[in-house]
């Protein structure tokens, strides 16, 4: 992609990540099926330990939601820059827009991260207490604490990055024309309906999920 490559690539990568997260959430509902007996103190302690071990996973969820919400906006802005902005103005404007994405992510990314860490004990904890036995919890904790698993988890961001870059490189030439065709089709439909030429919607991203810029802000949220 000629302009805003960071936004466009992150849009593809984070959209895929969001789809995977949604599929997992739908296949493993976190709502207790029925009231359960109060958990023992020992079980509550195990659950708390498991929640602590999973903190990085909760933070990852907040980053995914943050990136998801602006991925579509990044695509739209990139398309508008490429097709409707004079060539001599594109680079400077792209830098200004990227700075706005970064600023937004620096503001909202930490908010989502802090909130998910506060919500996790009350949302995830009761489900773990109900669905897993003490022996189950001990087995999970043992697995999470193993050196091999820790090394694997540390590699996960790099593996995702490498796979995402390769995916974009392999599919860019196929996806980009389709995206441009879609934009042109929607523009024609909007124009025919009297709405005028389609522009990058400033507030098209779902507000409840909005959080961070696709690339630079995601890294800032990790800090």
Protein backbone atom coordinates (compact mmCIF):
# COMPACT_ATOMS: atom_id res chain seq x y z
CA UNK A 1 0.00 0.00 0.00
CA UNK A 2 1.41 3.29 -1.06
CA UNK A 3 0.27 5.53 1.78
CA UNK A 4 -0.13 5.03 5.51
CA UNK A 5 1.44 1.55 5.37
CA UNK A 6 1.45 1.26 9.18
CA UNK A 7 -2.28 1.88 9.39
CA UNK A 8 -3.19 -0.34 6.47
CA UNK A 9 -1.09 -3.29 7.60
CA UNK A 10 -2.22 -2.99 11.19
CA UNK A 11 -5.80 -2.82 9.99
CA UNK A 12 -5.48 -6.22 8.31
CA UNK A 13 -3.58 -7.81 11.18
CA UNK A 14 -5.77 -6.49 13.98
CA UNK A 15 -8.97 -7.34 12.14
CA UNK A 16 -7.83 -10.95 11.97
CA UNK A 17 -6.84 -10.89 15.63
CA UNK A 18 -10.21 -9.44 16.54
CA UNK A 19 -12.02 -12.14 14.60
CA UNK A 20 -10.05 -14.84 16.41
CA UNK A 21 -10.78 -13.26 19.78
CA UNK A 22 -14.48 -13.06 18.96
CA UNK A 23 -14.57 -16.68 17.85
CA UNK A 24 -12.93 -17.81 21.07
CA UNK A 25 -15.28 -15.71 23.15
CA UNK A 26 -18.31 -17.20 21.40
CA UNK A 27 -17.08 -20.77 21.69
CA UNK A 28 -16.24 -20.46 25.38
CA UNK A 29 -18.96 -18.41 27.09
CA UNK A 30 -17.95 -16.85 30.38
CA UNK A 31 -21.44 -16.75 31.88
CA UNK A 32 -22.13 -19.25 34.70
CA UNK A 33 -24.93 -21.64 33.77
CA UNK A 34 -26.44 -21.83 37.25
CA UNK A 35 -25.73 -20.67 40.82
CA UNK A 36 -22.96 -22.70 42.41
CA UNK A 37 -22.01 -23.38 45.99
CA UNK A 38 -19.54 -20.89 47.51
CA UNK A 39 -15.94 -21.77 46.72
CA UNK A 40 -13.60 -22.72 49.53
CA UNK A 41 -10.87 -20.37 50.68
CA UNK A 42 -8.27 -22.69 49.14
CA UNK A 43 -10.03 -22.64 45.79
CA UNK A 44 -10.39 -18.86 45.86
CA UNK A 45 -6.66 -18.61 46.48
CA UNK A 46 -5.93 -20.81 43.49
CA UNK A 47 -8.25 -18.74 41.30
CA UNK A 48 -6.52 -15.55 42.39
CA UNK A 49 -3.15 -17.05 41.54
CA UNK A 50 -4.42 -18.08 38.12
CA UNK A 51 -5.81 -14.59 37.49
CA UNK A 52 -2.42 -13.11 38.36
CA UNK A 53 -0.66 -15.46 35.97
CA UNK A 54 -3.10 -14.48 33.23
CA UNK A 55 -2.62 -10.73 33.64
CA UNK A 56 -0.66 -10.42 30.40
CA UNK A 57 -3.50 -12.18 28.59
CA UNK A 58 -6.03 -9.69 29.91
CA UNK A 59 -3.77 -6.83 28.84
CA UNK A 60 -3.52 -8.41 25.40
CA UNK A 61 -7.32 -8.47 25.18
CA UNK A 62 -7.46 -4.75 25.91
CA UNK A 63 -4.89 -4.07 23.19
CA UNK A 64 -6.84 -6.16 20.68
CA UNK A 65 -10.04 -4.26 21.41
CA UNK A 66 -8.14 -0.99 21.19
CA UNK A 67 -6.70 -1.81 17.77
CA UNK A 68 -9.88 -3.37 16.43
CA UNK A 69 -11.88 -0.20 16.87
CA UNK A 70 -9.64 1.94 14.68
CA UNK A 71 -8.60 -0.65 12.10
CA UNK A 72 -11.52 0.22 9.81
CA UNK A 73 -10.86 3.93 10.24
CA UNK A 74 -7.22 3.38 9.29
CA UNK A 75 -8.27 1.64 6.10
CA UNK A 76 -10.71 4.38 5.20
CA UNK A 77 -8.23 7.17 5.83
CA UNK A 78 -5.55 5.38 3.81
CA UNK A 79 -7.95 4.97 0.88
CA UNK A 80 -8.97 8.62 0.98
CA UNK A 81 -5.34 9.77 1.07
CA UNK A 82 -4.49 7.60 -1.89
CA UNK A 83 -7.43 8.54 -4.10
CA UNK A 84 -8.52 12.05 -3.10
CA UNK A 85 -5.49 13.95 -1.85
CA UNK A 86 -3.01 15.62 -4.15
CA UNK A 87 0.28 13.65 -4.35
CA UNK A 88 2.37 16.53 -3.05
CA UNK A 89 0.20 16.77 0.10
CA UNK A 90 -0.11 13.08 0.97
CA UNK A 91 3.07 12.46 2.93
CA UNK A 92 2.72 15.46 5.22
CA UNK A 93 -0.96 14.79 5.85
CA UNK A 94 -0.30 11.10 6.49
CA UNK A 95 2.21 12.03 9.19
CA UNK A 96 -0.29 14.36 10.83
CA UNK A 97 -2.98 11.69 10.82
CA UNK A 98 -0.61 9.06 12.22
CA UNK A 99 0.25 11.48 15.04
CA UNK A 100 -3.47 11.81 15.85
CA UNK A 101 -3.85 8.02 15.99
CA UNK A 102 -0.84 7.83 18.29
CA UNK A 103 -2.20 10.54 20.57
CA UNK A 104 -5.57 8.81 20.77
CA UNK A 105 -3.95 5.47 21.60
CA UNK A 106 -1.74 6.97 24.29
CA UNK A 107 -4.83 8.43 25.91
CA UNK A 108 -7.27 5.53 25.69
CA UNK A 109 -4.98 2.47 25.61
CA UNK A 110 -3.96 2.69 29.30
CA UNK A 111 -7.58 3.33 30.27
CA UNK A 112 -8.69 0.04 28.71
CA UNK A 113 -5.74 -1.85 30.19
CA UNK A 114 -6.42 -0.62 33.72
CA UNK A 115 -10.12 -1.30 33.41
CA UNK A 116 -9.75 -4.87 32.16
CA UNK A 117 -7.45 -5.70 35.08
CA UNK A 118 -10.08 -4.40 37.51
CA UNK A 119 -12.91 -6.26 35.79
CA UNK A 120 -11.18 -9.63 35.41
CA UNK A 121 -11.48 -10.84 39.05
CA UNK A 122 -15.22 -10.16 39.17
CA UNK A 123 -15.99 -11.45 35.66
CA UNK A 124 -13.54 -14.32 35.13
CA UNK A 125 -12.98 -15.34 38.77
CA UNK A 126 -16.53 -16.64 39.47
CA UNK A 127 -16.52 -18.67 36.25
CA UNK A 128 -13.22 -20.33 37.17
CA UNK A 129 -14.53 -21.09 40.65
CA UNK A 130 -17.62 -22.75 39.20
CA UNK A 131 -16.25 -24.58 36.18
CA UNK A 132 -12.88 -25.82 37.47
CA UNK A 133 -12.10 -28.02 40.44
CA UNK A 134 -9.16 -27.35 42.73
CA UNK A 135 -7.25 -30.11 40.94
CA UNK A 136 -8.06 -28.51 37.56
CA UNK A 137 -6.80 -25.15 38.80
CA UNK A 138 -3.59 -26.68 40.11
CA UNK A 139 -2.93 -28.36 36.76
CA UNK A 140 -3.51 -25.12 34.85
CA UNK A 141 -1.27 -23.17 37.22
CA UNK A 142 1.47 -25.76 36.91
CA UNK A 143 1.31 -25.50 33.13
CA UNK A 144 1.37 -21.70 33.18
CA UNK A 145 4.34 -21.65 35.54
CA UNK A 146 6.40 -24.06 33.46
CA UNK A 147 9.51 -22.53 31.87
CA UNK A 148 8.59 -23.91 28.45
CA UNK A 149 5.17 -22.28 28.47
CA UNK A 150 6.62 -18.96 29.64
CA UNK A 151 9.14 -19.01 26.81
CA UNK A 152 6.39 -19.80 24.33
CA UNK A 153 4.23 -16.94 25.58
CA UNK A 154 7.17 -14.55 25.33
CA UNK A 155 7.58 -15.58 21.71
CA UNK A 156 3.90 -15.14 20.87
CA UNK A 157 4.00 -11.39 20.01
CA UNK A 158 6.98 -11.94 17.70
CA UNK A 159 5.33 -14.94 16.06
CA UNK A 160 2.13 -12.97 15.49
CA UNK A 161 4.10 -10.05 14.07
CA UNK A 162 6.07 -12.26 11.67
CA UNK A 163 2.96 -14.11 10.54
CA UNK A 164 1.02 -10.87 10.12
CA UNK A 165 3.77 -9.28 8.03
CA UNK A 166 3.99 -12.35 5.81
CA UNK A 167 0.20 -12.49 5.46
CA UNK A 168 0.04 -8.85 4.36
CA UNK A 169 2.92 -9.31 1.91
CA UNK A 170 1.29 -12.39 0.37
CA UNK A 171 -2.25 -10.97 0.07
CA UNK A 172 -1.72 -7.22 -0.37
CA UNK A 173 -1.97 -7.27 -4.16
CA UNK A 174 -5.23 -9.22 -3.97
CA UNK A 175 -6.87 -7.39 -1.08
CA UNK A 176 -6.04 -3.81 -2.09
CA UNK A 177 -7.98 -3.82 -5.42
CA UNK A 178 -10.98 -5.39 -3.70
CA UNK A 179 -10.88 -2.74 -1.00
CA UNK A 180 -10.70 0.01 -3.63
CA UNK A 181 -13.58 -1.53 -5.58
CA UNK A 182 -15.67 -1.72 -2.42
CA UNK A 183 -14.95 1.92 -1.62
CA UNK A 184 -15.94 3.00 -5.13
CA UNK A 185 -19.14 0.94 -5.00
CA UNK A 186 -20.16 2.42 -1.67
CA UNK A 187 -19.34 5.92 -2.89
CA UNK A 188 -21.60 5.46 -5.92
CA UNK A 189 -24.43 4.10 -3.79
CA UNK A 190 -24.14 6.99 -1.34
CA UNK A 191 -23.99 9.51 -4.17
CA UNK A 192 -27.04 7.95 -5.85
CA UNK A 193 -28.92 8.20 -2.56
CA UNK A 194 -28.13 11.88 -2.36
CA UNK A 195 -25.50 11.64 0.33
CA UNK A 196 -22.73 12.98 -1.89
CA UNK A 197 -19.25 11.46 -2.33
CA UNK A 198 -18.24 9.08 0.44
CA UNK A 199 -15.60 10.39 2.80
CA UNK A 200 -13.66 8.87 5.64
CA UNK A 201 -16.23 8.83 8.48
CA UNK A 202 -14.66 10.58 11.43
CA UNK A 203 -16.68 8.56 13.91
CA UNK A 204 -17.22 5.30 12.08
CA UNK A 205 -15.44 3.16 14.68
CA UNK A 206 -17.76 1.76 17.40
CA UNK A 207 -17.40 4.10 20.35
CA UNK A 208 -17.54 1.45 23.12
CA UNK A 209 -14.54 -0.36 21.63
CA UNK A 210 -12.51 2.67 20.57
CA UNK A 211 -9.12 2.75 22.14
CA UNK A 212 -5.85 3.01 20.27
CA UNK A 213 -4.06 3.60 17.04
CA UNK A 214 -3.43 0.43 15.04
CA UNK A 215 0.33 0.26 15.38
CA UNK A 216 2.19 2.88 17.35
CA UNK A 217 -0.51 3.20 19.99
CA UNK A 218 -0.59 -0.55 20.51
CA UNK A 219 3.05 -0.53 21.47
CA UNK A 220 2.49 2.43 23.74
CA UNK A 221 -0.31 0.59 25.52
CA UNK A 222 2.11 -2.21 26.43
CA UNK A 223 4.30 0.14 28.41
